[in-house]
Protein backbone atom coordinates (compact mmCIF):
# COMPACT_ATOMS: atom_id res chain seq x y z
CA MET A 1 -6.58 23.02 9.23
CA THR A 2 -2.82 22.80 9.37
CA LYS A 3 -2.83 22.89 13.20
CA TYR A 4 -5.28 19.97 13.27
CA PHE A 5 -3.72 17.74 10.54
CA GLY A 6 -0.25 18.67 10.11
CA SER A 7 1.09 15.64 12.02
CA ALA A 8 -1.55 13.55 10.22
CA TYR A 9 -0.41 14.41 6.83
CA ARG A 10 3.32 13.96 7.83
CA PHE A 11 2.98 10.53 9.77
CA GLY A 12 0.30 9.20 7.27
CA THR A 13 2.55 9.84 4.28
CA LEU A 14 5.66 8.74 6.08
CA GLY A 15 3.77 5.34 6.99
CA GLY A 16 2.34 5.01 3.56
CA VAL A 17 5.89 5.27 2.02
CA PHE A 18 7.17 2.59 4.76
CA SER A 19 4.16 0.58 3.75
CA LEU A 20 5.19 0.51 0.03
CA VAL A 21 8.73 0.15 0.60
CA SER A 22 7.84 -2.89 2.82
CA PHE A 23 5.78 -4.39 0.04
CA LEU A 24 8.80 -3.82 -2.52
CA PHE A 25 11.23 -5.36 -0.16
CA LEU A 26 9.22 -8.59 0.64
CA ALA A 27 8.33 -8.47 -3.12
CA TRP A 28 12.27 -8.83 -3.60
CA LEU A 29 12.48 -11.74 -1.08
CA TYR A 30 9.42 -13.66 -1.62
CA GLY A 31 7.09 -14.60 -4.59
CA ASP A 32 3.93 -13.43 -2.71
CA PRO A 33 4.50 -10.18 -0.33
CA THR A 34 1.05 -9.49 0.17
CA ASN A 35 0.23 -11.60 3.36
CA LEU A 36 3.43 -10.25 4.96
CA ASN A 37 2.75 -6.84 4.01
CA LEU A 38 -0.48 -7.19 6.14
CA VAL A 39 1.44 -8.20 9.09
CA PHE A 40 3.66 -5.23 8.85
CA GLY A 41 0.59 -2.95 8.32
CA TYR A 42 -0.44 -4.20 11.68
CA ILE A 43 2.71 -2.94 13.24
CA ILE A 44 2.83 0.43 11.22
CA VAL A 45 -0.56 1.52 11.50
CA PRO A 46 -0.92 1.83 15.22
CA ILE A 47 2.44 3.78 15.42
CA VAL A 48 1.53 6.24 12.68
CA ILE A 49 -1.68 6.84 14.63
CA PHE A 50 0.04 6.94 17.77
CA LEU A 51 2.72 9.45 16.64
CA SER A 52 0.04 11.48 14.76
CA VAL A 53 -2.14 11.99 17.69
CA LYS A 54 0.81 12.57 20.27
CA PHE A 55 2.50 15.23 18.04
CA PHE A 56 -0.88 16.86 17.62
CA LYS A 57 -1.54 16.75 21.38
CA ASP A 58 1.95 17.76 22.53
CA TYR A 59 3.04 20.36 19.57
CA SER A 60 -0.20 21.73 18.08
CA ASN A 61 -2.85 21.74 20.90
CA GLU A 62 -0.74 22.82 24.02
CA GLY A 63 -1.03 19.34 25.88
CA LEU A 64 -4.89 18.98 25.33
CA LEU A 65 -6.77 16.40 23.43
CA SER A 66 -10.46 15.66 23.14
CA PHE A 67 -11.64 12.37 21.71
CA SER A 68 -13.02 14.10 18.76
CA GLU A 69 -9.61 15.74 17.83
CA GLY A 70 -7.93 12.27 18.31
CA MET A 71 -10.42 10.42 16.03
CA SER A 72 -10.11 13.34 13.49
CA VAL A 73 -6.27 13.27 13.41
CA GLY A 74 -6.17 9.38 13.49
CA PHE A 75 -8.54 9.09 10.76
CA VAL A 76 -6.69 11.39 8.44
CA ALA A 77 -3.35 9.62 9.28
CA TYR A 78 -4.73 6.13 8.68
CA MET A 79 -6.61 7.13 5.31
CA ILE A 80 -3.45 8.74 3.95
CA LEU A 81 -1.45 5.85 4.95
CA GLY A 82 -4.02 3.12 3.20
CA ILE A 83 -4.35 5.48 0.14
CA ILE A 84 -0.56 6.02 -0.56
CA SER A 85 0.01 2.28 0.09
CA GLY A 86 -2.78 1.19 -2.18
CA ILE A 87 -1.94 3.58 -4.99
CA GLY A 88 1.74 2.72 -4.92
CA ILE A 89 1.14 -1.12 -4.73
CA TRP A 90 -1.31 -0.84 -7.63
CA LEU A 91 1.15 1.22 -9.80
CA PHE A 92 3.88 -1.23 -9.10
CA LEU A 93 1.85 -4.13 -10.05
CA LEU A 94 0.85 -2.46 -13.23
CA ILE A 95 4.47 -1.91 -14.08
CA SER A 96 5.81 -5.27 -12.87
CA ASP A 97 3.38 -7.92 -14.38
CA ASP A 98 5.77 -10.86 -13.17
CA LEU A 99 5.30 -9.94 -9.54
CA PHE A 100 1.54 -9.89 -9.91
CA GLN A 101 1.64 -13.31 -11.85
CA SER A 102 3.64 -14.66 -9.11
CA ILE A 103 1.11 -13.39 -6.53
CA LEU A 104 -1.69 -14.89 -8.66
CA SER A 105 0.22 -18.26 -8.85
CA GLU A 106 1.14 -18.56 -5.17
CA LYS A 107 -2.41 -17.82 -4.12
CA LEU A 108 -3.74 -20.48 -6.34
CA ARG A 109 -0.94 -22.78 -5.29
CA ILE A 110 -1.73 -22.55 -1.57
CA LEU A 111 -5.50 -22.96 -2.39
CA ALA A 112 -4.83 -26.24 -4.35
CA GLU A 113 -2.75 -27.61 -1.36
CA ASN A 114 -5.51 -26.67 1.15
CA LYS A 115 -8.31 -27.96 -1.16
CA GLU A 116 -9.66 -31.24 0.73
CA MET A 117 -9.46 -29.19 4.07
CA ILE A 118 -11.46 -26.21 2.47
CA ILE A 119 -13.98 -28.53 1.00
CA GLY A 120 -14.37 -30.28 4.26
CA GLN A 121 -15.04 -27.28 6.08
CA VAL A 122 -17.12 -25.17 3.45
CA GLY A 123 -18.10 -27.36 0.58
CA GLU A 124 -17.06 -27.84 -3.06
CA LYS A 125 -19.21 -24.84 -4.29
CA SER A 126 -17.29 -22.36 -1.97
CA PHE A 127 -13.92 -23.83 -2.92
CA GLU A 128 -14.58 -23.42 -6.77
CA THR A 129 -16.11 -20.15 -6.20
CA THR A 130 -12.70 -18.97 -4.28
CA LYS A 131 -10.81 -20.67 -6.98
CA ALA A 132 -12.82 -18.53 -9.62
CA SER A 133 -12.22 -15.52 -7.91
CA ILE A 134 -8.66 -15.74 -7.44
CA GLU A 135 -8.30 -16.36 -11.11
CA GLU A 136 -9.95 -13.16 -11.84
CA MET A 137 -8.05 -11.19 -9.55
CA THR A 138 -6.57 -7.96 -10.82
CA ALA A 139 -3.56 -5.54 -9.51
CA MET A 140 -6.42 -3.44 -8.09
CA ASP A 141 -7.81 -6.05 -6.13
CA VAL A 142 -4.47 -6.74 -4.53
CA ALA A 143 -4.02 -2.95 -3.69
CA LEU A 144 -7.57 -2.61 -2.59
CA ASN A 145 -7.12 -5.26 -0.13
CA ASP A 146 -4.05 -3.85 1.06
CA SER A 147 -5.41 -0.45 1.55
CA LEU A 148 -8.41 -1.66 3.30
CA TRP A 149 -6.44 -3.93 5.74
CA LYS A 150 -4.87 -0.66 6.65
CA ILE A 151 -7.77 1.49 7.03
CA ILE A 152 -10.34 -0.76 8.93
CA PRO A 153 -8.13 -1.74 11.59
CA GLY A 154 -6.85 2.24 11.78
CA LEU A 155 -10.38 2.78 13.03
CA PHE A 156 -10.22 0.57 15.95
CA PHE A 157 -6.59 1.63 16.61
CA THR A 158 -7.48 5.54 16.49
CA ILE A 159 -10.43 4.84 19.08
CA ILE A 160 -8.19 3.18 21.36
CA ILE A 161 -5.30 5.41 20.99
CA SER A 162 -7.71 8.52 21.26
CA ILE A 163 -9.05 7.45 24.70
CA ILE A 164 -5.53 6.40 25.95
CA LEU A 165 -4.31 9.97 24.88
CA ARG A 166 -7.53 11.91 25.86
CA LYS A 167 -6.54 14.81 28.01
CA THR A 168 -9.06 17.85 28.71
CA GLN A 169 -8.90 20.93 31.27
């Protein structure tokens, strides 16, 4: 099992730690680090997947890689990255209620600023539903959102990277 997933564990963990550090650094700079951390996720996720699959191919599998091996290694890498990032953000937001309240108030402020445009596009009822859902948001919701926005794109990046790096005898 270590042969197949050694690089995925290492790079997935490293990516999760980088993602968490990014969130903390952005929290220090901005009131709502969630959106910029998602952008950082779109950069780090493909890098982690590529390095995991490439290292597996070159150092564990004698230069060969089937599509299924690439998908398996990539899956483990992006799942570990998403889980570490989500759990870390959740724990940090539980500890730092001020940051969570800052995120919540920033999201409500942006919603209020765009009220007319949103109502014009989707209607009053949808706006009120969105506002109520933001008001009921918890730290777990923020963490889960971050995790999902690393895991879902990870699947697509893994497919592409596995096809590009595929090499059979």
